[in-house]
Amino acid sequence: MGTSVVIAEDTYIVREGIRMLLEGAGYDLLDSVETYDELMAAVSEHGPDVVITDIRMPPTRTDEGVRAAREIRENHPETGVVVLSQFVEPSYALQLFEAGAEGLAYLLKERLGDLDQLEHAISEVRTGGSVIDTRVVDALVEARTRKPSALERLTPREREVLAEVAKGGSNSAIADRLFLSQRAIEKHINSIFTKLDLLPEKETNRRVRAVLMYLAEESA
C-alpha cells in the first residue's frame, strides 16, 4: 500500500496542482480540504500517513498550518506533517519546531516544482524524521549572526504601539485602536524611548526618531 495523504490548501489552483503531482507519483490521496477545521476533521476520519498543509488557511489565514501541525503530531503521532509556506521568515519555522521536530517538515512553496524535494519531505516525516528548507536555514543563520537591533528589546505590545506611531496615530487614536487607556499608551511610548536609548528632548523628535528606527528595520 502506498503512502496515504491529506492535503490542506485554500487556493484551488495550488491544491489541484499538489493533488495532480501526488496522484501522478502514486500516492493515495484520501482528502483535499481548504480550512483548518476541515483538515482536523479529515485527519480524525482518515488517519493519513502524511498531511501536507499550507501555513495560512481560513478562518484567520495567519498560522493555521503551524497550529494544525503541532496538534496533529500531539494527537496523531503516527501522522507526519509537511507545512508549505511562501515565507522565508524564520519565525514560522521556529514556531513549528519549538515543541520538537519529529515528524515535521517546513518547505517553501517554490519547491513544489521539484517533486523530488516534496517526496523526500514526505518520506522523512512519515518515518519520524524532519526537514527544513535550506533557504530558511540560511535565514536562521543570518538572523543569529547579524548585529542585534535595538528594537529587539521591545515587548510585542511595545512593537505594536510603535507600529501604530509609525502610521501617524496620536496617543488617543492608538489607545482606541488597541483598546487601551491613553495613560497605558503613554507608558508604553516612554518605555520605547528608554529601550531605544532616545534621550529626553522634544517629544516630537523622539517619536520621529523611533519611527525611523522602526521603518529602517522593517525595510531591511
C-alpha atoms as a PDB file:
ATOM      1  CA  MET A   1       0.000   0.000   0.000  1.00  0.00           C
ATOM      2  CA  GLY A   2       1.289   3.471  -0.892  1.00  0.00           C
ATOM      3  CA  THR A   3       1.619   6.455   1.385  1.00  0.00           C
ATOM      4  CA  SER A   4      -1.770   7.978   2.200  1.00  0.00           C
ATOM      5  CA  VAL A   5      -2.026  11.768   2.182  1.00  0.00           C
ATOM      6  CA  VAL A   6      -4.451  14.551   3.109  1.00  0.00           C
ATOM      7  CA  ILE A   7      -3.930  17.970   1.504  1.00  0.00           C
ATOM      8  CA  ALA A   8      -4.988  21.276   3.100  1.00  0.00           C
ATOM      9  CA  GLU A   9      -4.681  24.346   0.870  1.00  0.00           C
ATOM     10  CA  ASP A  10      -7.223  27.129   0.395  1.00  0.00           C
ATOM     11  CA  THR A  11      -6.009  28.191  -3.066  1.00  0.00           C
ATOM     12  CA  TYR A  12      -7.734  25.957  -5.619  1.00  0.00           C
ATOM     13  CA  ILE A  13      -5.011  26.040  -8.267  1.00  0.00           C
ATOM     14  CA  VAL A  14      -2.273  25.182  -5.781  1.00  0.00           C
ATOM     15  CA  ARG A  15      -4.398  22.468  -4.166  1.00  0.00           C
ATOM     16  CA  GLU A  16      -5.142  20.861  -7.508  1.00  0.00           C
ATOM     17  CA  GLY A  17      -1.515  21.129  -8.555  1.00  0.00           C
ATOM     18  CA  ILE A  18      -0.379  19.258  -5.440  1.00  0.00           C
ATOM     19  CA  ARG A  19      -3.112  16.664  -5.945  1.00  0.00           C
ATOM     20  CA  MET A  20      -2.056  16.008  -9.526  1.00  0.00           C
ATOM     21  CA  LEU A  21       1.614  15.769  -8.549  1.00  0.00           C
ATOM     22  CA  LEU A  22       0.928  13.271  -5.764  1.00  0.00           C
ATOM     23  CA  GLU A  23      -1.547  11.127  -7.663  1.00  0.00           C
ATOM     24  CA  GLY A  24       0.818  11.035 -10.629  1.00  0.00           C
ATOM     25  CA  ALA A  25       3.590   9.834  -8.311  1.00  0.00           C
ATOM     26  CA  GLY A  26       1.425   7.038  -6.900  1.00  0.00           C
ATOM     27  CA  TYR A  27       0.376   8.452  -3.546  1.00  0.00           C
ATOM     28  CA  ASP A  28      -3.020   7.551  -2.073  1.00  0.00           C
ATOM     29  CA  LEU A  29      -4.893  10.860  -1.760  1.00  0.00           C
ATOM     30  CA  LEU A  30      -7.539  10.493   0.952  1.00  0.00           C
ATOM     31  CA  ASP A  31      -8.926  14.026   1.037  1.00  0.00           C
ATOM     32  CA  SER A  32      -8.299  17.573  -0.161  1.00  0.00           C
ATOM     33  CA  VAL A  33      -9.596  20.406   2.027  1.00  0.00           C
ATOM     34  CA  GLU A  34      -9.471  24.184   2.351  1.00  0.00           C
ATOM     35  CA  THR A  35      -9.713  25.133   6.040  1.00  0.00           C
ATOM     36  CA  TYR A  36      -8.218  24.348   9.425  1.00  0.00           C
ATOM     37  CA  ASP A  37     -11.441  22.791  10.706  1.00  0.00           C
ATOM     38  CA  GLU A  38     -11.811  20.631   7.592  1.00  0.00           C
ATOM     39  CA  LEU A  39      -8.212  19.489   7.957  1.00  0.00           C
ATOM     40  CA  MET A  40      -8.607  18.417  11.566  1.00  0.00           C
ATOM     41  CA  ALA A  41     -11.817  16.569  10.701  1.00  0.00           C
ATOM     42  CA  ALA A  42     -10.160  14.807   7.741  1.00  0.00           C
ATOM     43  CA  VAL A  43      -7.240  13.658   9.895  1.00  0.00           C
ATOM     44  CA  SER A  44      -9.598  12.257  12.516  1.00  0.00           C
ATOM     45  CA  GLU A  45     -11.689  10.491   9.853  1.00  0.00           C
ATOM     46  CA  HIS A  46      -8.959   9.097   7.608  1.00  0.00           C
ATOM     47  CA  GLY A  47      -5.822   8.776   9.755  1.00  0.00           C
ATOM     48  CA  PRO A  48      -3.417   9.554   6.879  1.00  0.00           C
ATOM     49  CA  ASP A  49       0.272   8.715   6.876  1.00  0.00           C
ATOM     50  CA  VAL A  50       1.119  12.301   5.960  1.00  0.00           C
ATOM     51  CA  VAL A  51      -0.606  15.681   5.898  1.00  0.00           C
ATOM     52  CA  ILE A  52       0.525  18.411   3.507  1.00  0.00           C
ATOM     53  CA  THR A  53      -0.783  21.760   4.671  1.00  0.00           C
ATOM     54  CA  ASP A  54      -0.488  25.409   3.763  1.00  0.00           C
ATOM     55  CA  ILE A  55       0.771  27.604   6.582  1.00  0.00           C
ATOM     56  CA  ARG A  56      -2.140  30.051   6.232  1.00  0.00           C
ATOM     57  CA  MET A  57      -5.746  28.943   5.846  1.00  0.00           C
ATOM     58  CA  PRO A  58      -9.217  30.065   6.848  1.00  0.00           C
ATOM     59  CA  PRO A  59     -10.600  31.102   9.210  1.00  0.00           C
ATOM     60  CA  THR A  60      -7.892  33.687  10.054  1.00  0.00           C
ATOM     61  CA  ARG A  61      -5.212  32.982   7.420  1.00  0.00           C
ATOM     62  CA  THR A  62      -2.416  33.542   9.939  1.00  0.00           C
ATOM     63  CA  ASP A  63      -0.729  30.404  11.288  1.00  0.00           C
ATOM     64  CA  GLU A  64      -3.376  27.675  11.000  1.00  0.00           C
ATOM     65  CA  GLY A  65      -0.934  25.305   9.318  1.00  0.00           C
ATOM     66  CA  VAL A  66       1.558  25.537  12.164  1.00  0.00           C
ATOM     67  CA  ARG A  67      -1.140  25.083  14.808  1.00  0.00           C
ATOM     68  CA  ALA A  68      -2.645  22.156  12.926  1.00  0.00           C
ATOM     69  CA  ALA A  69       0.764  20.502  12.537  1.00  0.00           C
ATOM     70  CA  ARG A  70       1.508  20.685  16.236  1.00  0.00           C
ATOM     71  CA  GLU A  71      -1.953  19.435  17.186  1.00  0.00           C
ATOM     72  CA  ILE A  72      -1.784  16.573  14.692  1.00  0.00           C
ATOM     73  CA  ARG A  73       1.621  15.485  15.972  1.00  0.00           C
ATOM     74  CA  GLU A  74       0.338  15.547  19.542  1.00  0.00           C
ATOM     75  CA  ASN A  75      -2.941  13.707  18.943  1.00  0.00           C
ATOM     76  CA  HIS A  76      -1.993  11.577  15.915  1.00  0.00           C
ATOM     77  CA  PRO A  77       1.730  10.853  16.333  1.00  0.00           C
ATOM     78  CA  GLU A  78       1.597   8.296  13.538  1.00  0.00           C
ATOM     79  CA  THR A  79       0.863  11.092  11.041  1.00  0.00           C
ATOM     80  CA  GLY A  80       3.730  13.182   9.668  1.00  0.00           C
ATOM     81  CA  VAL A  81       3.136  16.772   8.562  1.00  0.00           C
ATOM     82  CA  VAL A  82       4.700  18.815   5.758  1.00  0.00           C
ATOM     83  CA  VAL A  83       3.998  22.540   6.128  1.00  0.00           C
ATOM     84  CA  LEU A  84       4.200  24.551   2.907  1.00  0.00           C
ATOM     85  CA  SER A  85       4.882  28.269   3.079  1.00  0.00           C
ATOM     86  CA  GLN A  86       5.732  31.128   0.776  1.00  0.00           C
ATOM     87  CA  PHE A  87       7.521  32.838   3.677  1.00  0.00           C
ATOM     88  CA  VAL A  88      11.268  32.515   4.256  1.00  0.00           C
ATOM     89  CA  GLU A  89      10.734  34.285   7.620  1.00  0.00           C
ATOM     90  CA  PRO A  90      12.454  32.036  10.229  1.00  0.00           C
ATOM     91  CA  SER A  91       9.914  32.782  12.965  1.00  0.00           C
ATOM     92  CA  TYR A  92       7.363  30.471  11.328  1.00  0.00           C
ATOM     93  CA  ALA A  93       9.824  27.589  11.283  1.00  0.00           C
ATOM     94  CA  LEU A  94      10.844  28.248  14.885  1.00  0.00           C
ATOM     95  CA  GLN A  95       7.197  28.249  15.916  1.00  0.00           C
ATOM     96  CA  LEU A  96       6.638  24.957  14.102  1.00  0.00           C
ATOM     97  CA  PHE A  97       9.613  23.181  15.660  1.00  0.00           C
ATOM     98  CA  GLU A  98       9.607  24.718  19.135  1.00  0.00           C
ATOM     99  CA  ALA A  99       7.887  21.690  20.716  1.00  0.00           C
ATOM    100  CA  GLY A 100      10.011  19.168  18.785  1.00  0.00           C
ATOM    101  CA  ALA A 101      10.904  18.451  15.161  1.00  0.00           C
ATOM    102  CA  GLU A 102       9.974  14.765  14.935  1.00  0.00           C
ATOM    103  CA  GLY A 103       7.661  14.062  12.000  1.00  0.00           C
ATOM    104  CA  LEU A 104       7.623  17.668  10.788  1.00  0.00           C
ATOM    105  CA  ALA A 105       8.847  19.422   7.642  1.00  0.00           C
ATOM    106  CA  TYR A 106       8.859  23.070   6.585  1.00  0.00           C
ATOM    107  CA  LEU A 107       9.177  23.665   2.836  1.00  0.00           C
ATOM    108  CA  LEU A 108       8.812  26.761   0.709  1.00  0.00           C
ATOM    109  CA  LYS A 109       6.059  26.537  -1.884  1.00  0.00           C
ATOM    110  CA  GLU A 110       8.543  27.291  -4.626  1.00  0.00           C
ATOM    111  CA  ARG A 111       9.883  23.769  -4.053  1.00  0.00           C
ATOM    112  CA  LEU A 112       6.673  22.279  -5.449  1.00  0.00           C
ATOM    113  CA  GLY A 113       8.260  22.484  -8.866  1.00  0.00           C
ATOM    114  CA  ASP A 114      10.747  19.856  -7.694  1.00  0.00           C
ATOM    115  CA  LEU A 115       8.823  16.662  -6.916  1.00  0.00           C
ATOM    116  CA  ASP A 116      11.954  15.011  -5.540  1.00  0.00           C
ATOM    117  CA  GLN A 117      12.165  17.534  -2.692  1.00  0.00           C
ATOM    118  CA  LEU A 118       8.496  17.121  -1.810  1.00  0.00           C
ATOM    119  CA  GLU A 119       8.777  13.340  -1.904  1.00  0.00           C
ATOM    120  CA  HIS A 120      11.871  13.493   0.291  1.00  0.00           C
ATOM    121  CA  ALA A 121       9.966  15.555   2.871  1.00  0.00           C
ATOM    122  CA  ILE A 122       7.005  13.154   2.763  1.00  0.00           C
ATOM    123  CA  SER A 123       9.286  10.163   3.224  1.00  0.00           C
ATOM    124  CA  GLU A 124      11.122  11.771   6.137  1.00  0.00           C
ATOM    125  CA  VAL A 125       8.075  12.862   8.147  1.00  0.00           C
ATOM    126  CA  ARG A 126       6.352   9.513   7.610  1.00  0.00           C
ATOM    127  CA  THR A 127       9.200   7.792   9.424  1.00  0.00           C
ATOM    128  CA  GLY A 128       9.533  10.411  12.151  1.00  0.00           C
ATOM    129  CA  GLY A 129      12.262  12.462  10.508  1.00  0.00           C
ATOM    130  CA  SER A 130      12.267  16.188   9.910  1.00  0.00           C
ATOM    131  CA  VAL A 131      13.119  18.556   7.070  1.00  0.00           C
ATOM    132  CA  ILE A 132      13.626  22.308   6.936  1.00  0.00           C
ATOM    133  CA  ASP A 133      14.059  24.229   3.711  1.00  0.00           C
ATOM    134  CA  THR A 134      17.678  25.226   3.094  1.00  0.00           C
ATOM    135  CA  ARG A 135      16.687  28.839   2.384  1.00  0.00           C
ATOM    136  CA  VAL A 136      15.034  29.046   5.790  1.00  0.00           C
ATOM    137  CA  VAL A 137      18.179  27.587   7.394  1.00  0.00           C
ATOM    138  CA  ASP A 138      20.226  30.307   5.676  1.00  0.00           C
ATOM    139  CA  ALA A 139      17.839  32.952   7.015  1.00  0.00           C
ATOM    140  CA  LEU A 140      18.103  31.500  10.528  1.00  0.00           C
ATOM    141  CA  VAL A 141      21.908  31.608  10.384  1.00  0.00           C
ATOM    142  CA  GLU A 142      21.836  35.183   9.117  1.00  0.00           C
ATOM    143  CA  ALA A 143      19.420  36.208  11.868  1.00  0.00           C
ATOM    144  CA  ARG A 144      21.695  34.674  14.523  1.00  0.00           C
ATOM    145  CA  THR A 145      24.862  36.331  13.197  1.00  0.00           C
ATOM    146  CA  ARG A 146      23.611  39.817  12.377  1.00  0.00           C
ATOM    147  CA  LYS A 147      24.051  42.655  14.856  1.00  0.00           C
ATOM    148  CA  PRO A 148      21.157  42.722  17.328  1.00  0.00           C
ATOM    149  CA  SER A 149      18.661  45.503  16.705  1.00  0.00           C
ATOM    150  CA  ALA A 150      17.646  47.867  19.496  1.00  0.00           C
ATOM    151  CA  LEU A 151      14.049  47.085  18.543  1.00  0.00           C
ATOM    152  CA  GLU A 152      14.575  43.531  19.808  1.00  0.00           C
ATOM    153  CA  ARG A 153      14.483  44.987  23.323  1.00  0.00           C
ATOM    154  CA  LEU A 154      10.835  45.912  22.866  1.00  0.00           C
ATOM    155  CA  THR A 155       7.993  43.710  24.049  1.00  0.00           C
ATOM    156  CA  PRO A 156       5.417  42.562  21.464  1.00  0.00           C
ATOM    157  CA  ARG A 157       2.960  45.152  22.812  1.00  0.00           C
ATOM    158  CA  GLU A 158       5.567  47.925  22.564  1.00  0.00           C
ATOM    159  CA  ARG A 159       6.300  46.961  18.957  1.00  0.00           C
ATOM    160  CA  GLU A 160       2.574  47.043  18.273  1.00  0.00           C
ATOM    161  CA  VAL A 161       2.352  50.544  19.751  1.00  0.00           C
ATOM    162  CA  LEU A 162       5.401  51.678  17.761  1.00  0.00           C
ATOM    163  CA  ALA A 163       3.849  50.319  14.570  1.00  0.00           C
ATOM    164  CA  GLU A 164       0.781  52.474  15.252  1.00  0.00           C
ATOM    165  CA  VAL A 165       3.013  55.504  15.924  1.00  0.00           C
ATOM    166  CA  ALA A 166       4.662  54.844  12.555  1.00  0.00           C
ATOM    167  CA  LYS A 167       1.217  55.069  10.944  1.00  0.00           C
ATOM    168  CA  GLY A 168       0.904  58.595  12.338  1.00  0.00           C
ATOM    169  CA  GLY A 169      -1.560  57.848  15.110  1.00  0.00           C
ATOM    170  CA  SER A 170      -1.893  60.118  18.123  1.00  0.00           C
ATOM    171  CA  ASN A 171      -1.783  58.631  21.612  1.00  0.00           C
ATOM    172  CA  SER A 172      -5.562  58.908  21.806  1.00  0.00           C
ATOM    173  CA  ALA A 173      -6.090  57.226  18.434  1.00  0.00           C
ATOM    174  CA  ILE A 174      -3.646  54.437  19.294  1.00  0.00           C
ATOM    175  CA  ALA A 175      -5.403  53.865  22.609  1.00  0.00           C
ATOM    176  CA  ASP A 176      -8.737  53.490  20.827  1.00  0.00           C
ATOM    177  CA  ARG A 177      -7.300  51.159  18.204  1.00  0.00           C
ATOM    178  CA  LEU A 178      -5.576  48.867  20.713  1.00  0.00           C
ATOM    179  CA  PHE A 179      -8.361  49.041  23.315  1.00  0.00           C
ATOM    180  CA  LEU A 180      -6.028  50.504  25.938  1.00  0.00           C
ATOM    181  CA  SER A 181      -6.161  53.633  28.075  1.00  0.00           C
ATOM    182  CA  GLN A 182      -4.340  56.721  26.898  1.00  0.00           C
ATOM    183  CA  ARG A 183      -2.237  56.519  30.065  1.00  0.00           C
ATOM    184  CA  ALA A 184      -1.164  52.978  29.141  1.00  0.00           C
ATOM    185  CA  ILE A 185      -0.106  54.167  25.691  1.00  0.00           C
ATOM    186  CA  GLU A 186       1.951  56.968  27.235  1.00  0.00           C
ATOM    187  CA  LYS A 187       3.723  54.440  29.481  1.00  0.00           C
ATOM    188  CA  HIS A 188       4.449  52.163  26.510  1.00  0.00           C
ATOM    189  CA  ILE A 189       5.843  55.047  24.454  1.00  0.00           C
ATOM    190  CA  ASN A 190       8.074  56.230  27.312  1.00  0.00           C
ATOM    191  CA  SER A 191       9.334  52.659  27.694  1.00  0.00           C
ATOM    192  CA  ILE A 192      10.031  52.527  23.946  1.00  0.00           C
ATOM    193  CA  PHE A 193      12.067  55.735  24.151  1.00  0.00           C
ATOM    194  CA  THR A 194      14.103  54.331  27.056  1.00  0.00           C
ATOM    195  CA  LYS A 195      14.790  50.966  25.395  1.00  0.00           C
ATOM    196  CA  LEU A 196      15.793  52.645  22.128  1.00  0.00           C
ATOM    197  CA  ASP A 197      18.200  54.946  24.005  1.00  0.00           C
ATOM    198  CA  LEU A 198      16.341  58.046  22.856  1.00  0.00           C
ATOM    199  CA  LEU A 199      17.388  60.665  25.377  1.00  0.00           C
ATOM    200  CA  PRO A 200      14.902  63.242  26.674  1.00  0.00           C
ATOM    201  CA  GLU A 201      14.344  66.047  24.211  1.00  0.00           C
ATOM    202  CA  LYS A 202      11.374  67.342  22.320  1.00  0.00           C
ATOM    203  CA  GLU A 203       8.644  64.672  22.311  1.00  0.00           C
ATOM    204  CA  THR A 204       8.077  65.078  18.572  1.00  0.00           C
ATOM    205  CA  ASN A 205      11.743  64.466  17.775  1.00  0.00           C
ATOM    206  CA  ARG A 206      11.836  61.266  19.812  1.00  0.00           C
ATOM    207  CA  ARG A 207       8.703  59.958  18.109  1.00  0.00           C
ATOM    208  CA  VAL A 208      10.191  60.688  14.690  1.00  0.00           C
ATOM    209  CA  ARG A 209      13.499  59.004  15.561  1.00  0.00           C
ATOM    210  CA  ALA A 210      11.709  55.944  16.960  1.00  0.00           C
ATOM    211  CA  VAL A 211       9.615  55.679  13.809  1.00  0.00           C
ATOM    212  CA  LEU A 212      12.697  55.994  11.591  1.00  0.00           C
ATOM    213  CA  MET A 213      14.376  53.149  13.500  1.00  0.00           C
ATOM    214  CA  TYR A 214      11.249  51.023  13.118  1.00  0.00           C
ATOM    215  CA  LEU A 215      10.881  51.691   9.399  1.00  0.00           C
ATOM    216  CA  ALA A 216      14.580  51.041   8.767  1.00  0.00           C
ATOM    217  CA  GLU A 217      14.296  47.576  10.324  1.00  0.00           C
ATOM    218  CA  GLU A 218      11.004  46.772   8.556  1.00  0.00           C
ATOM    219  CA  SER A 219      12.517  47.584   5.166  1.00  0.00           C
ATOM    220  CA  ALA A 220      15.782  45.731   5.810  1.00  0.00           C
END
